Protein backbone atom coordinates (compact mmCIF):
# COMPACT_ATOMS: atom_id res chain seq x y z
CA MET A 1 103.04 150.04 89.46
CA ALA A 2 105.44 148.03 91.58
CA ASP A 3 104.67 144.53 91.03
CA SER A 4 102.35 142.99 88.56
CA LYS A 5 102.00 139.54 89.61
CA PRO A 6 98.47 138.83 90.35
CA ALA A 7 97.69 137.91 94.03
CA PRO A 8 97.23 134.44 94.77
CA LYS A 9 93.75 133.17 95.13
CA LYS A 10 92.97 132.86 98.62
CA ASP A 11 92.10 128.96 98.42
CA GLU A 12 95.27 128.31 96.14
CA PRO A 13 97.76 126.34 98.60
CA LYS A 14 101.14 128.28 98.86
CA LYS A 15 104.09 126.61 96.79
CA ALA A 16 105.40 125.34 100.04
CA ASN A 17 102.67 123.40 100.65
CA ARG A 18 102.44 122.13 97.15
CA ARG A 19 105.90 120.94 97.78
CA GLY A 20 104.88 119.52 101.11
CA ALA A 21 102.20 117.68 99.49
CA ALA A 22 104.41 116.37 96.19
CA ARG A 23 107.22 115.26 98.97
CA LEU A 24 104.48 113.14 101.06
CA ALA A 25 103.46 111.61 97.61
CA ALA A 26 106.89 110.99 96.24
CA VAL A 27 107.30 108.91 99.62
CA GLN A 28 104.22 107.02 99.27
CA ALA A 29 104.68 106.15 95.63
CA LEU A 30 108.38 105.17 96.25
CA TYR A 31 106.79 103.13 98.70
CA GLN A 32 104.35 101.21 96.29
CA MET A 33 107.23 100.55 94.18
CA ASP A 34 109.68 99.03 96.81
CA ILE A 35 106.53 96.78 98.34
CA ALA A 36 104.29 96.15 95.06
CA GLY A 37 107.12 96.32 92.43
CA ALA A 38 105.04 99.01 90.58
CA GLY A 39 107.02 100.58 87.64
CA LEU A 40 107.55 104.27 86.94
CA ASN A 41 105.07 105.33 84.41
CA ASP A 42 102.21 103.36 86.36
CA ILE A 43 102.75 105.13 89.88
CA PHE A 44 102.88 108.59 87.84
CA ALA A 45 99.84 107.58 86.12
CA GLU A 46 98.41 106.35 89.32
CA PHE A 47 99.34 108.96 91.46
CA GLU A 48 98.59 111.92 89.00
CA SER A 49 95.25 110.56 88.25
CA HIS A 50 94.06 109.22 91.68
CA TRP A 51 95.85 110.86 94.56
CA LEU A 52 97.43 114.20 93.86
CA GLY A 53 94.80 116.76 94.86
CA ASN A 54 92.13 114.32 95.30
CA GLU A 55 89.91 112.84 97.93
CA ILE A 56 90.42 109.19 98.45
CA GLU A 57 88.51 107.33 100.81
CA GLY A 58 87.46 110.36 102.93
CA ASP A 59 90.76 112.12 103.43
CA THR A 60 91.41 115.08 100.88
CA TYR A 61 94.77 115.52 99.37
CA LEU A 62 96.32 118.65 99.16
CA PRO A 63 97.22 119.79 95.58
CA ALA A 64 100.82 118.82 94.60
CA GLU A 65 103.22 120.11 92.49
CA ALA A 66 103.26 117.27 89.79
CA ALA A 67 106.76 118.21 88.27
CA PHE A 68 108.40 118.40 91.87
CA PHE A 69 106.81 114.93 92.25
CA ARG A 70 108.01 113.52 89.13
CA ASP A 71 111.73 114.99 89.53
CA VAL A 72 111.86 113.23 93.21
CA VAL A 73 110.53 109.79 92.38
CA SER A 74 112.32 109.54 89.02
CA GLY A 75 115.48 111.15 90.49
CA VAL A 76 115.36 108.36 93.26
CA VAL A 77 114.68 105.53 90.95
CA ASN A 78 117.56 106.57 88.38
CA ASP A 79 120.03 107.50 90.95
CA GLN A 80 118.89 104.56 93.82
CA ALA A 81 122.06 102.62 92.68
CA ARG A 82 124.00 105.00 94.40
CA ILE A 83 121.50 106.42 97.28
CA ASP A 84 121.29 103.14 98.95
CA PRO A 85 125.06 102.49 99.55
CA LEU A 86 125.34 106.14 100.95
CA LEU A 87 122.40 105.69 103.13
CA ASP A 88 123.94 102.29 104.35
CA ASP A 89 127.45 104.24 105.15
CA MET A 90 125.06 107.10 107.39
CA LEU A 91 123.46 104.22 109.06
CA ASN A 92 124.67 102.63 112.31
CA LYS A 93 126.78 99.54 110.87
CA GLY A 94 125.22 96.33 111.32
CA TRP A 95 121.86 98.12 110.64
CA PRO A 96 121.62 98.32 106.84
CA LEU A 97 118.80 100.01 104.64
CA GLN A 98 117.12 96.96 103.88
CA ARG A 99 116.39 96.10 107.45
CA ILE A 100 114.90 99.15 108.46
CA ASP A 101 110.90 99.83 107.60
CA ALA A 102 109.63 100.32 103.87
CA ILE A 103 108.10 103.18 104.41
CA LEU A 104 111.32 104.72 106.49
CA ARG A 105 113.65 103.73 103.31
CA ALA A 106 111.07 105.89 101.19
CA VAL A 107 111.45 108.72 103.22
CA LEU A 108 115.43 108.39 103.27
CA ARG A 109 115.89 107.80 99.56
CA ALA A 110 113.73 110.96 98.74
CA GLY A 111 115.62 113.17 100.92
CA ALA A 112 119.07 112.08 100.11
CA TYR A 113 118.22 112.76 96.47
CA GLU A 114 116.68 116.41 97.06
CA LEU A 115 119.66 117.20 99.57
CA GLU A 116 122.20 116.13 96.64
CA HIS A 117 120.05 117.69 93.40
CA ARG A 118 117.43 120.23 94.56
CA LYS A 119 119.74 122.93 95.51
CA ASP A 120 117.03 125.37 95.02
CA VAL A 121 115.38 123.85 98.66
CA PRO A 122 117.49 125.04 101.64
CA ALA A 123 119.04 121.50 103.19
CA ARG A 124 117.36 122.18 106.62
CA VAL A 125 113.96 122.72 105.21
CA VAL A 126 114.69 119.51 103.15
CA ILE A 127 115.20 117.83 106.23
CA LYS A 128 112.32 119.25 108.73
CA GLU A 129 109.85 118.34 105.50
CA TYR A 130 111.11 114.79 105.28
CA VAL A 131 111.21 114.13 109.45
CA ASP A 132 107.43 116.00 109.18
CA VAL A 133 106.61 113.29 106.29
CA ALA A 134 108.28 110.43 108.35
CA ASN A 135 106.14 111.91 111.28
CA ALA A 136 103.02 110.76 109.75
CA PHE A 137 103.60 107.22 109.25
CA VAL A 138 106.11 106.15 112.49
CA ASP A 139 107.04 107.21 115.92
CA ARG A 140 109.05 110.09 116.99
CA ASP A 141 112.19 107.61 117.72
CA GLU A 142 112.05 106.81 114.10
CA THR A 143 111.62 110.29 112.94
CA GLY A 144 114.91 111.03 115.02
CA LEU A 145 116.63 108.54 112.63
CA VAL A 146 115.55 110.34 109.59
CA ASN A 147 116.42 113.80 111.08
CA ALA A 148 120.13 112.21 112.05
CA VAL A 149 120.94 110.63 108.43
CA LEU A 150 119.50 113.37 106.61
CA ASP A 151 121.59 116.02 108.50
CA GLN A 152 124.60 113.90 107.86
CA ILE A 153 123.88 113.97 104.46
CA GLY A 154 123.21 117.65 104.01
CA ARG A 155 126.63 118.10 105.63
CA GLN A 156 128.35 115.83 103.24
CA PHE A 157 126.64 117.47 99.92
CA ARG A 158 125.74 120.95 101.28
CA ALA A 159 128.41 121.88 103.71
CA GLU A 160 128.62 125.28 103.34
CA GLU A 161 124.99 125.70 104.45
CA PHE A 162 125.45 124.37 107.83
CA THR A 163 129.01 126.28 108.20
CA ARG A 164 127.41 129.77 106.85
CA THR A 165 124.85 129.45 109.56
CA GLY A 166 127.04 128.07 112.53
CA GLY A 167 125.05 124.65 112.89
């Protein structure tokens, strides 16, 4: 009896897919908060009851890891006064965070939060995931910006991950 863990159900999404869905939902929630001024509790209630793992207007949303979604969204909100100046420093001078598209702000904020606070996820995975999320909303040039900014932040907060693997 080597392993007593039950095998995952065939149609049950893997943890990585649930985390990816949580990241996408977190970016959408942060975008909505930025644009509409929605509050944290309202966002949690709306996304958890209507979006995560449901079908909306013909699109089926993957089940998301709700705790991960909550952590990223609340973490960005609670740490935004520190995250935004950090992102401003990483962006080219003369192009502050407030001048970039709201969806990119949401992607960068979520990625920066996760790179600093979610050390349980490798930095390169975080960067790739948020580039993939950005790709769902913007063109390739802008995903390059996401990659470059998050790479700089990853190197600042997790230098050992980048030096250890030679990158």
